Amino acid sequence: MNRKEELQRLHRQSLEANGHGNPQRALRDGVPPSRRRGGGWLLIVALLVAAGVGGWFARKPVMEWLGRPADSPVPSAGAPSVGEKLAKDGAVKVSPAQIKSYITPSDAEMEQLYRYVVTAPFVAENLQYSERLKGIPFVYIATNDVVNAAAGRRFVKKGDEKGIAFHTVFFGGAARYARLVGLAAALQEAGHKDMLKKFIAAMPRSFCSRCAEDDCIAFISANGLAPAIVDEKIRQKAVSYSSGTIVSVLAHECGHHSLGHLLAFREKKNLEIDRNEEREADSFASSVISASPFGEYIFAGTLFWHYAMAMQSDADSDLASNHPLSRERFENFVRSNSEKAAAMGITLTK
């Protein structure tokens, strides 16, 4: 058994034993590359400032905008189409390599977004949070198609001493799903009416659990969306929205570490405890967003993510998950950021 297989086995065992995550999660071999600083901040600022929230978003109450009960089916696309082709469709030739360069963020991009979270004001100003996150390695596994991220731990032994090593993992499937939702949001802001709803309705439901690179490329190509990838203005906005989403997901996982959720050991899984810890991590992420100088922008990207998950979620899977229901998380996120939501004209109906 090589080093990579051993790390994967240890990671699966620790997650299963502690009730965090699922057995599909795996660690890439070794420790991630050293943290890159300096010029990276210029790129992250450029990504986050590239687009404003925009005034197009949902002037209706959120639950009316959501438009369906959490357990009702999402229409599948018989013939792939989002209902509205781009004006440039057919006039611009876009290669699969160009789509790939957009749909899967690079290691450097993900490292910069992670550094943004662990140095965010809400974390830096709390000694306990900053100490618990200090030195925890970040691993981005772009080749793993699972739409997930994990705060994990594994047992290590050095000589006669035993200890616990913590890590934060982000899978490529989650990054690609964020990029798809970001593209839909950018197209809607550019004037394509109801693009977010049409886009999500056309996406296979399976995309919210597994999002493979080849499938994403095929979906974008078949729906006439490829020209948007090479439109610099739309692409920049799409990358910015998806970066905001990824920041929020990373903040959630850092919340598990900061709040000490992985310090407790339970012999058996407890669904209610697990869900309460997920709610606490969601609240932690909301606090990171609220204290961020780019909070309004990250809020918008995260709202798109929760909206897409609520639209595509399967009720039976939701009930069996150790996470709260997708619709509950959507509503909680709006409540936790009520001022930002109100500024965008978003309210919750009773």
Protein backbone atom coordinates (compact mmCIF):
# COMPACT_ATOMS: atom_id res chain seq x y z
CA MET A 1 0.00 0.00 0.00
CA ASN A 2 1.56 3.30 -1.10
CA ARG A 3 1.56 6.59 0.84
CA LYS A 4 -1.51 7.96 -0.95
CA GLU A 5 -3.60 4.83 -0.33
CA GLU A 6 -2.56 4.78 3.35
CA LEU A 7 -3.61 8.42 3.85
CA GLN A 8 -6.91 7.78 2.11
CA ARG A 9 -7.62 4.75 4.31
CA LEU A 10 -6.77 6.64 7.51
CA HIS A 11 -8.90 9.61 6.48
CA ARG A 12 -11.93 7.44 5.72
CA GLN A 13 -11.61 5.57 9.01
CA SER A 14 -11.35 8.76 11.08
CA LEU A 15 -14.34 10.39 9.42
CA GLU A 16 -16.52 7.30 9.78
CA ALA A 17 -15.55 6.93 13.43
CA ASN A 18 -16.30 10.52 14.33
CA GLY A 19 -19.50 11.16 12.42
CA HIS A 20 -18.05 13.87 10.18
CA GLY A 21 -18.33 13.61 6.41
CA ASN A 22 -18.73 10.42 4.43
CA PRO A 23 -16.52 7.47 3.44
CA GLN A 24 -16.04 8.83 -0.10
CA ARG A 25 -13.75 11.55 1.21
CA ALA A 26 -10.06 10.95 0.67
CA LEU A 27 -6.76 12.70 1.22
CA ARG A 28 -4.30 13.41 -1.53
CA ASP A 29 -0.82 12.14 -0.79
CA GLY A 30 1.41 14.27 1.33
CA VAL A 31 1.10 17.77 2.71
CA PRO A 32 -0.06 20.57 0.38
CA PRO A 33 2.46 22.98 -1.14
CA SER A 34 3.74 25.73 1.08
CA ARG A 35 1.52 28.72 1.52
CA ARG A 36 1.96 31.38 -1.17
CA ARG A 37 1.74 34.97 0.01
CA GLY A 38 2.58 38.40 -1.30
CA GLY A 39 1.27 38.71 -4.87
CA GLY A 40 -1.58 36.33 -4.09
CA TRP A 41 -3.39 39.08 -2.19
CA LEU A 42 -3.53 41.20 -5.30
CA LEU A 43 -5.27 38.39 -7.16
CA ILE A 44 -7.79 37.66 -4.40
CA VAL A 45 -8.69 41.34 -4.11
CA ALA A 46 -9.11 41.52 -7.88
CA LEU A 47 -11.35 38.45 -7.86
CA LEU A 48 -13.58 39.72 -5.07
CA VAL A 49 -13.86 43.30 -6.25
CA ALA A 50 -14.43 42.35 -9.90
CA ALA A 51 -18.22 42.44 -9.61
CA GLY A 52 -20.77 44.13 -7.35
CA VAL A 53 -23.80 42.45 -5.97
CA GLY A 54 -26.00 44.05 -8.65
CA GLY A 55 -29.55 45.23 -8.36
CA TRP A 56 -31.08 42.46 -10.45
CA PHE A 57 -31.42 39.95 -7.64
CA ALA A 58 -34.81 38.83 -6.32
CA ARG A 59 -36.99 41.76 -5.39
CA LYS A 60 -39.64 39.28 -4.24
CA PRO A 61 -39.78 37.55 -0.85
CA VAL A 62 -37.20 34.77 -0.84
CA MET A 63 -39.59 31.87 -0.40
CA GLU A 64 -41.68 33.08 -3.31
CA TRP A 65 -38.46 33.42 -5.32
CA LEU A 66 -37.38 29.92 -4.34
CA GLY A 67 -40.58 28.81 -5.96
CA ARG A 68 -41.03 25.20 -4.89
CA PRO A 69 -41.24 23.03 -1.77
CA ALA A 70 -37.94 21.37 -0.91
CA ASP A 71 -39.34 17.91 -1.69
CA SER A 72 -40.82 18.65 -5.13
CA PRO A 73 -38.90 17.41 -8.17
CA VAL A 74 -36.69 19.61 -10.31
CA PRO A 75 -37.56 19.36 -14.02
CA SER A 76 -34.86 17.52 -15.92
CA ALA A 77 -33.67 18.64 -19.32
CA GLY A 78 -34.83 16.25 -22.05
CA ALA A 79 -32.93 18.13 -24.72
CA PRO A 80 -30.24 20.15 -22.93
CA SER A 81 -31.23 23.80 -22.99
CA VAL A 82 -31.50 26.66 -20.58
CA GLY A 83 -34.22 28.10 -22.78
CA GLU A 84 -32.24 31.06 -24.02
CA LYS A 85 -29.16 30.78 -26.23
CA LEU A 86 -26.47 33.42 -26.02
CA ALA A 87 -26.42 35.93 -28.84
CA LYS A 88 -22.85 34.94 -29.64
CA ASP A 89 -23.67 31.25 -29.86
CA GLY A 90 -22.21 29.84 -33.08
CA ALA A 91 -20.18 32.96 -33.78
CA VAL A 92 -17.41 32.15 -31.31
CA LYS A 93 -15.53 28.88 -31.29
CA VAL A 94 -14.60 27.74 -27.80
CA SER A 95 -12.43 24.71 -27.15
CA PRO A 96 -12.92 22.19 -24.31
CA ALA A 97 -9.57 23.36 -22.91
CA GLN A 98 -10.91 26.92 -22.59
CA ILE A 99 -13.99 25.69 -20.74
CA LYS A 100 -11.81 23.49 -18.51
CA SER A 101 -9.65 26.48 -17.56
CA TYR A 102 -12.76 28.16 -16.17
CA ILE A 103 -14.65 25.26 -14.67
CA THR A 104 -11.85 23.92 -12.41
CA PRO A 105 -10.00 26.46 -10.20
CA SER A 106 -6.24 26.07 -9.92
CA ASP A 107 -4.36 25.04 -6.78
CA ALA A 108 -3.05 28.61 -6.46
CA GLU A 109 -6.56 30.12 -6.59
CA MET A 110 -7.85 27.75 -3.93
CA GLU A 111 -4.84 28.37 -1.67
CA GLN A 112 -5.45 32.12 -1.87
CA LEU A 113 -9.14 31.75 -0.99
CA TYR A 114 -8.25 29.55 1.98
CA ARG A 115 -5.70 32.09 3.21
CA TYR A 116 -8.38 34.76 2.91
CA VAL A 117 -10.57 32.80 5.34
CA VAL A 118 -7.95 31.95 7.97
CA THR A 119 -6.75 35.56 8.08
CA ALA A 120 -10.25 37.11 7.98
CA PRO A 121 -10.95 39.74 10.70
CA PHE A 122 -13.45 37.54 12.55
CA VAL A 123 -10.80 34.81 12.87
CA ALA A 124 -7.76 37.00 13.44
CA GLU A 125 -9.43 38.92 16.27
CA ASN A 126 -10.27 35.75 18.23
CA LEU A 127 -7.20 34.16 19.82
CA GLN A 128 -8.85 30.74 20.22
CA TYR A 129 -9.96 30.59 16.58
CA SER A 130 -6.66 31.75 15.16
CA GLU A 131 -4.68 29.34 17.35
CA ARG A 132 -6.84 26.36 16.41
CA LEU A 133 -6.52 27.12 12.71
CA LYS A 134 -2.81 27.83 12.87
CA GLY A 135 -0.81 25.24 10.98
CA ILE A 136 -3.80 23.17 9.80
CA PRO A 137 -2.95 22.08 6.23
CA PHE A 138 -5.34 22.76 3.37
CA VAL A 139 -5.71 20.10 0.67
CA TYR A 140 -7.50 20.75 -2.62
CA ILE A 141 -8.25 17.56 -4.57
CA ALA A 142 -9.31 18.82 -8.00
CA THR A 143 -9.58 15.30 -9.40
CA ASN A 144 -12.22 14.22 -6.87
CA ASP A 145 -15.72 14.86 -8.31
CA VAL A 146 -17.62 14.79 -4.99
CA VAL A 147 -19.47 18.03 -4.23
CA ASN A 148 -18.19 18.33 -0.71
CA ALA A 149 -15.56 19.74 1.63
CA ALA A 150 -14.38 18.39 4.96
CA ALA A 151 -12.81 19.36 8.23
CA GLY A 152 -10.99 16.14 9.12
CA ARG A 153 -8.55 14.53 11.50
CA ARG A 154 -6.39 11.43 11.60
CA PHE A 155 -4.33 9.73 14.25
CA VAL A 156 -0.57 9.91 13.95
CA LYS A 157 2.31 8.31 15.83
CA LYS A 158 5.80 9.75 16.11
CA GLY A 159 8.09 7.43 18.00
CA ASP A 160 6.38 6.66 21.31
CA GLU A 161 4.06 9.67 21.10
CA LYS A 162 0.55 9.58 19.68
CA GLY A 163 -1.41 12.56 18.48
CA ILE A 164 -4.06 13.92 16.15
CA ALA A 165 -3.41 15.72 12.88
CA PHE A 166 -6.14 18.00 11.56
CA HIS A 167 -6.71 19.07 7.96
CA THR A 168 -9.20 20.88 5.73
CA VAL A 169 -10.12 19.27 2.40
CA PHE A 170 -11.94 20.79 -0.56
CA PHE A 171 -12.98 18.58 -3.47
CA GLY A 172 -12.98 19.50 -7.15
CA GLY A 173 -16.66 18.65 -7.57
CA ALA A 174 -17.63 21.40 -5.10
CA ALA A 175 -15.40 23.93 -6.85
CA ARG A 176 -16.93 23.05 -10.23
CA TYR A 177 -20.47 23.27 -8.88
CA ALA A 178 -19.65 26.74 -7.52
CA ARG A 179 -18.28 27.75 -10.93
CA LEU A 180 -21.47 26.57 -12.68
CA VAL A 181 -23.69 28.54 -10.31
CA GLY A 182 -21.39 31.55 -10.63
CA LEU A 183 -21.70 31.43 -14.42
CA ALA A 184 -25.51 31.39 -14.21
CA ALA A 185 -25.50 34.35 -11.81
CA ALA A 186 -23.13 36.35 -14.04
CA LEU A 187 -25.29 35.67 -17.12
CA GLN A 188 -28.42 36.78 -15.29
CA GLU A 189 -26.72 39.98 -14.15
CA ALA A 190 -25.66 40.54 -17.78
CA GLY A 191 -29.33 40.61 -18.79
CA HIS A 192 -30.34 37.01 -19.49
CA LYS A 193 -33.73 36.85 -17.79
CA ASP A 194 -34.28 34.15 -15.16
CA MET A 195 -31.01 32.48 -16.17
CA LEU A 196 -30.29 31.22 -12.65
CA LYS A 197 -33.59 29.30 -12.46
CA LYS A 198 -33.31 27.99 -16.03
CA PHE A 199 -29.71 26.98 -15.51
CA ILE A 200 -30.40 25.04 -12.32
CA ALA A 201 -33.50 23.38 -13.79
CA ALA A 202 -31.46 22.21 -16.79
CA MET A 203 -28.57 20.82 -14.72
CA PRO A 204 -28.78 17.10 -13.94
CA ARG A 205 -29.79 16.58 -10.31
CA SER A 206 -26.69 14.43 -9.88
CA PHE A 207 -24.51 17.54 -10.25
CA CYS A 208 -25.25 18.58 -6.66
CA SER A 209 -23.53 15.40 -5.41
CA ARG A 210 -20.96 14.63 -8.13
CA CYS A 211 -19.70 17.20 -10.61
CA ALA A 212 -17.17 15.75 -13.04
CA GLU A 213 -15.10 17.99 -15.28
CA ASP A 214 -16.07 16.23 -18.53
CA ASP A 215 -19.78 16.39 -17.62
CA CYS A 216 -19.53 20.12 -16.88
CA ILE A 217 -17.79 20.78 -20.19
CA ALA A 218 -20.46 18.78 -22.05
CA PHE A 219 -23.27 20.60 -20.23
CA ILE A 220 -21.87 24.05 -21.01
CA SER A 221 -21.22 23.14 -24.66
CA ALA A 222 -24.62 21.50 -25.23
CA ASN A 223 -26.48 24.47 -23.76
CA GLY A 224 -24.75 27.08 -25.90
CA LEU A 225 -23.05 28.64 -22.88
CA ALA A 226 -19.45 28.26 -24.06
CA PRO A 227 -19.22 31.79 -25.57
CA ALA A 228 -19.76 33.22 -22.08
CA ILE A 229 -16.53 31.55 -20.94
CA VAL A 230 -14.45 33.69 -23.32
CA ASP A 231 -16.42 36.89 -22.72
CA GLU A 232 -13.99 38.62 -20.36
CA LYS A 233 -16.61 40.66 -18.50
CA ILE A 234 -18.98 37.71 -17.90
CA ARG A 235 -16.14 35.35 -17.00
CA GLN A 236 -14.71 37.82 -14.50
CA LYS A 237 -18.06 38.22 -12.77
CA ALA A 238 -18.64 34.45 -12.79
CA VAL A 239 -15.24 33.77 -11.20
CA SER A 240 -15.96 36.45 -8.59
CA TYR A 241 -19.36 34.99 -7.64
CA SER A 242 -17.95 31.47 -7.40
CA SER A 243 -14.98 32.70 -5.34
CA GLY A 244 -17.43 34.18 -2.85
CA THR A 245 -19.19 30.83 -2.64
CA ILE A 246 -15.95 28.91 -2.09
CA VAL A 247 -14.89 31.35 0.64
CA SER A 248 -18.14 30.64 2.49
CA VAL A 249 -17.75 26.84 2.23
CA LEU A 250 -14.15 27.08 3.44
CA ALA A 251 -15.27 29.29 6.33
CA HIS A 252 -17.83 26.63 7.29
CA GLU A 253 -15.12 23.94 7.46
CA CYS A 254 -12.79 26.25 9.38
CA GLY A 255 -15.70 26.76 11.77
CA HIS A 256 -15.62 23.05 12.67
CA HIS A 257 -11.94 23.38 13.61
CA SER A 258 -12.33 26.72 15.40
CA LEU A 259 -15.32 25.59 17.47
CA GLY A 260 -13.59 22.38 18.56
CA HIS A 261 -16.06 19.99 16.92
CA LEU A 262 -13.29 17.56 16.03
CA LEU A 263 -11.88 17.46 19.55
CA ALA A 264 -14.77 15.36 20.85
CA PHE A 265 -14.90 11.61 20.28
CA ARG A 266 -18.17 9.72 19.96
CA GLU A 267 -18.42 5.97 19.62
CA LYS A 268 -21.73 6.19 17.77
CA LYS A 269 -23.10 8.75 15.36
CA ASN A 270 -25.75 11.10 16.70
CA LEU A 271 -27.69 12.79 13.90
CA GLU A 272 -29.00 15.64 16.02
CA ILE A 273 -25.58 16.48 17.48
CA ASP A 274 -24.06 16.35 13.99
CA ARG A 275 -26.73 18.69 12.61
CA ASN A 276 -26.33 21.12 15.48
CA GLU A 277 -22.59 21.26 14.83
CA GLU A 278 -23.30 21.92 11.15
CA ARG A 279 -25.61 24.79 12.14
CA GLU A 280 -22.87 26.20 14.38
CA ALA A 281 -20.37 25.99 11.52
CA ASP A 282 -22.86 27.75 9.23
CA SER A 283 -23.21 30.50 11.83
CA PHE A 284 -19.42 30.78 12.07
CA ALA A 285 -19.23 31.20 8.28
CA SER A 286 -21.90 33.91 8.43
CA SER A 287 -19.84 35.76 11.03
CA VAL A 288 -16.74 35.55 8.82
CA ILE A 289 -18.78 36.99 5.95
CA SER A 290 -20.33 39.75 8.09
CA ALA A 291 -16.92 40.94 9.30
CA SER A 292 -15.33 40.77 5.85
CA PRO A 293 -14.69 43.92 3.80
CA PHE A 294 -16.14 41.95 0.87
CA GLY A 295 -19.09 40.63 2.91
CA GLU A 296 -21.87 41.84 0.61
CA TYR A 297 -20.27 40.19 -2.37
CA ILE A 298 -19.52 36.88 -0.61
CA PHE A 299 -23.07 36.90 0.74
CA ALA A 300 -24.48 36.99 -2.81
CA GLY A 301 -22.30 34.11 -4.02
CA THR A 302 -23.21 31.99 -1.00
CA LEU A 303 -26.92 32.69 -1.42
CA PHE A 304 -26.75 31.41 -5.01
CA TRP A 305 -25.08 28.21 -3.74
CA HIS A 306 -27.72 27.55 -1.08
CA TYR A 307 -30.49 28.36 -3.56
CA ALA A 308 -29.10 25.87 -6.09
CA MET A 309 -28.71 23.17 -3.43
CA ALA A 310 -32.27 23.72 -2.17
CA MET A 311 -33.62 23.56 -5.73
CA GLN A 312 -31.75 20.36 -6.57
CA SER A 313 -31.87 18.57 -3.23
CA ASP A 314 -33.57 15.25 -2.78
CA ALA A 315 -35.88 15.15 0.25
CA ASP A 316 -35.04 11.54 1.20
CA SER A 317 -31.30 12.18 1.02
CA ASP A 318 -31.73 15.38 3.04
CA LEU A 319 -33.50 13.49 5.84
CA ALA A 320 -30.70 10.92 6.06
CA SER A 321 -27.90 13.51 5.93
CA ASN A 322 -25.95 14.65 8.98
CA HIS A 323 -26.47 18.20 7.65
CA PRO A 324 -29.65 20.21 8.22
CA LEU A 325 -32.20 20.26 5.37
CA SER A 326 -31.05 22.29 2.37
CA ARG A 327 -34.01 24.63 2.62
CA GLU A 328 -33.40 25.19 6.34
CA ARG A 329 -29.77 26.13 5.63
CA PHE A 330 -30.96 28.53 2.92
CA GLU A 331 -33.36 30.25 5.32
CA ASN A 332 -30.85 30.29 8.19
CA PHE A 333 -28.27 31.94 5.97
CA VAL A 334 -30.70 34.73 5.06
CA ARG A 335 -31.64 35.23 8.74
CA SER A 336 -27.99 35.30 9.82
CA ASN A 337 -27.31 38.03 7.28
CA SER A 338 -30.62 39.85 7.56
CA GLU A 339 -29.20 43.33 7.01
CA LYS A 340 -27.39 42.34 3.82
CA ALA A 341 -30.47 40.44 2.65
CA ALA A 342 -32.70 43.44 3.31
CA ALA A 343 -30.30 45.69 1.38
CA MET A 344 -30.83 43.38 -1.62
CA GLY A 345 -34.62 43.45 -1.19
CA ILE A 346 -34.78 39.89 0.19
CA THR A 347 -37.18 38.92 2.98
CA LEU A 348 -38.44 35.67 4.41
CA THR A 349 -42.14 34.87 4.34
CA LYS A 350 -43.69 33.14 7.34
